[in-house]
Amino acid sequence: MSQACKYAVDHKQEKDPIQILKSGYEAAKGITGSSTACVVSITDNKCQGANLGDSSYLIIRNEKLLFKSIEQQFSFNFPFQLGSNNLNVPTDAAIASHPLESGDIIILVTDGVLDNISPRELTTLASAHKELPSQNIASKIASNAY
């Protein structure tokens, strides 16, 4: 699914997160398994996000948590998912759009990260290291989540 989503962006110049998810979902039909999905597109100082399941994305501005996408679950530890034998489709994703400003930090995380680091702690950690390359910030988040 992720490869088809990447293809939709790289080769079809798709920017709408729901359309990107649809491309991935259609390509994965017939493959056994399922996945949550979080897609964020940044165009013209605007962030568009689609989140399906218990992963999430956060937007941090001026060292404060500006936005956290909602997590979608049927019940505890039973998230919305795309895949074989699932009830969900890409249009079930929670969608949101946000204007961006210079210096905003966007973080995409799985539920495993959120199980170990609160959004407030993620905000503090990312803000404290905002001058580092994004890969270094991601490594610090992963180290703290472990």
Protein backbone atom coordinates (compact mmCIF):
# COMPACT_ATOMS: atom_id res chain seq x y z
CA MET A 1 0.00 0.00 0.00
CA SER A 2 2.75 2.46 0.90
CA GLN A 3 4.54 1.90 -2.42
CA ALA A 4 1.35 2.65 -4.35
CA CYS A 5 0.80 5.80 -2.27
CA LYS A 6 4.35 6.90 -3.06
CA TYR A 7 3.77 6.17 -6.76
CA ALA A 8 0.62 8.33 -6.72
CA VAL A 9 2.65 11.24 -5.39
CA ASP A 10 5.82 10.75 -7.46
CA HIS A 11 4.29 9.83 -10.82
CA LYS A 12 0.72 11.13 -10.77
CA GLN A 13 1.56 14.30 -8.81
CA GLU A 14 -1.35 13.54 -6.48
CA LYS A 15 -1.61 15.98 -3.56
CA ASP A 16 -4.95 15.14 -1.97
CA PRO A 17 -4.32 12.76 0.98
CA ILE A 18 -7.61 10.91 0.43
CA GLN A 19 -6.78 10.32 -3.24
CA ILE A 20 -3.30 9.13 -2.23
CA LEU A 21 -4.89 6.68 0.24
CA LYS A 22 -7.34 5.51 -2.42
CA SER A 23 -4.44 4.73 -4.77
CA GLY A 24 -2.72 2.68 -2.10
CA TYR A 25 -5.90 0.93 -1.07
CA GLU A 26 -6.82 -0.05 -4.64
CA ALA A 27 -3.32 -1.38 -5.32
CA ALA A 28 -3.38 -3.50 -2.15
CA LYS A 29 -6.75 -5.15 -2.79
CA GLY A 30 -6.39 -8.91 -2.73
CA ILE A 31 -3.34 -8.83 -0.46
CA THR A 32 -3.93 -10.38 2.95
CA GLY A 33 -3.34 -7.99 5.83
CA SER A 34 -4.31 -4.57 7.04
CA SER A 35 -2.81 -1.29 8.14
CA THR A 36 -3.64 2.02 9.69
CA ALA A 37 -2.72 4.98 7.48
CA CYS A 38 -1.62 8.55 7.99
CA VAL A 39 -0.93 10.73 4.94
CA VAL A 40 0.11 14.37 5.05
CA SER A 41 0.58 16.59 2.00
CA ILE A 42 2.24 20.00 2.15
CA THR A 43 1.54 22.42 -0.70
CA ASP A 44 1.64 26.21 -0.85
CA ASN A 45 2.08 26.69 2.92
CA LYS A 46 -0.87 24.42 3.64
CA CYS A 47 -0.86 21.04 5.33
CA GLN A 48 -3.61 18.59 4.41
CA GLY A 49 -3.86 15.41 6.44
CA ALA A 50 -5.82 12.19 6.36
CA ASN A 51 -5.57 9.83 9.30
CA LEU A 52 -7.25 6.44 9.48
CA GLY A 53 -6.66 4.47 12.66
CA ASP A 54 -4.58 5.09 15.73
CA SER A 55 -1.51 6.66 14.15
CA SER A 56 -1.41 10.43 14.26
CA TYR A 57 0.21 13.62 13.06
CA LEU A 58 1.02 16.68 15.11
CA ILE A 59 1.76 20.26 14.17
CA ILE A 60 3.97 22.24 16.53
CA ARG A 61 4.25 26.02 16.30
CA ASN A 62 6.36 28.24 18.54
CA GLU A 63 7.05 25.33 20.90
CA LYS A 64 3.33 24.67 21.41
CA LEU A 65 1.15 21.84 20.16
CA LEU A 66 -1.07 23.48 17.55
CA PHE A 67 -2.88 20.37 16.29
CA LYS A 68 -3.06 16.61 16.83
CA SER A 69 -5.13 14.47 14.50
CA ILE A 70 -7.82 12.35 16.06
CA GLU A 71 -7.29 8.65 16.55
CA GLN A 72 -10.01 6.39 15.20
CA GLN A 73 -10.77 3.17 17.04
CA PHE A 74 -13.78 0.87 17.24
CA SER A 75 -12.66 0.03 20.78
CA PHE A 76 -9.41 -0.11 22.77
CA ASN A 77 -6.59 -1.51 20.64
CA PHE A 78 -8.99 -2.05 17.70
CA PRO A 79 -8.22 0.80 15.28
CA PHE A 80 -9.79 1.61 11.95
CA GLN A 81 -7.73 -0.13 9.24
CA LEU A 82 -7.48 -0.55 5.50
CA GLY A 83 -6.95 -4.00 4.04
CA SER A 84 -8.46 -7.39 3.53
CA ASN A 85 -11.59 -8.19 5.53
CA ASN A 86 -11.88 -4.72 7.05
CA LEU A 87 -14.84 -2.45 7.45
CA ASN A 88 -12.99 0.71 6.50
CA VAL A 89 -12.31 2.52 3.24
CA PRO A 90 -10.05 5.53 2.60
CA THR A 91 -12.93 8.01 2.85
CA ASP A 92 -13.38 6.96 6.50
CA ALA A 93 -10.15 8.82 7.32
CA ALA A 94 -10.36 11.94 9.46
CA ILE A 95 -9.29 14.84 7.27
CA ALA A 96 -8.05 18.27 8.21
CA SER A 97 -6.36 21.25 6.59
CA HIS A 98 -4.04 23.73 8.27
CA PRO A 99 -2.22 26.87 7.16
CA LEU A 100 1.49 26.56 7.87
CA GLU A 101 4.01 29.14 8.98
CA SER A 102 7.78 29.16 8.72
CA GLY A 103 9.25 27.13 11.56
CA ASP A 104 6.26 24.82 12.04
CA ILE A 105 7.19 21.23 12.87
CA ILE A 106 5.08 18.33 11.59
CA ILE A 107 5.50 14.90 13.17
CA LEU A 108 3.85 11.67 12.02
CA VAL A 109 3.80 8.90 14.62
CA THR A 110 2.44 5.41 15.10
CA ASP A 111 0.38 4.37 18.08
CA GLY A 112 3.49 2.65 19.46
CA VAL A 113 5.23 6.01 19.79
CA LEU A 114 2.15 7.57 21.37
CA ASP A 115 1.96 4.67 23.83
CA ASN A 116 5.36 5.75 25.18
CA ILE A 117 5.60 9.51 24.58
CA SER A 118 2.73 11.92 25.16
CA PRO A 119 1.95 14.66 22.62
CA ARG A 120 3.18 17.19 25.19
CA GLU A 121 6.51 15.35 25.52
CA LEU A 122 6.80 15.11 21.72
CA THR A 123 6.25 18.86 21.51
CA THR A 124 8.96 19.54 24.10
CA LEU A 125 11.42 17.11 22.51
CA ALA A 126 10.95 18.38 18.94
CA SER A 127 11.04 22.03 20.03
CA ALA A 128 14.26 21.51 21.98
CA HIS A 129 15.95 20.10 18.87
CA LYS A 130 14.26 22.14 16.14
CA GLU A 131 17.59 23.30 14.70
CA LEU A 132 18.64 19.71 13.94
CA PRO A 133 17.92 17.96 10.64
CA SER A 134 14.55 16.20 10.65
CA GLN A 135 16.18 12.75 10.59
CA ASN A 136 18.00 13.57 13.84
CA ILE A 137 14.75 14.70 15.49
CA ALA A 138 13.08 11.48 14.33
CA SER A 139 15.95 9.45 15.82
CA LYS A 140 15.60 11.26 19.15
CA ILE A 141 11.85 10.55 19.17
CA ALA A 142 12.46 6.88 18.36
CA SER A 143 15.12 6.60 21.10
CA ASN A 144 12.78 8.15 23.65
CA ALA A 145 9.91 5.88 22.62
CA TYR A 146 11.97 2.72 23.04
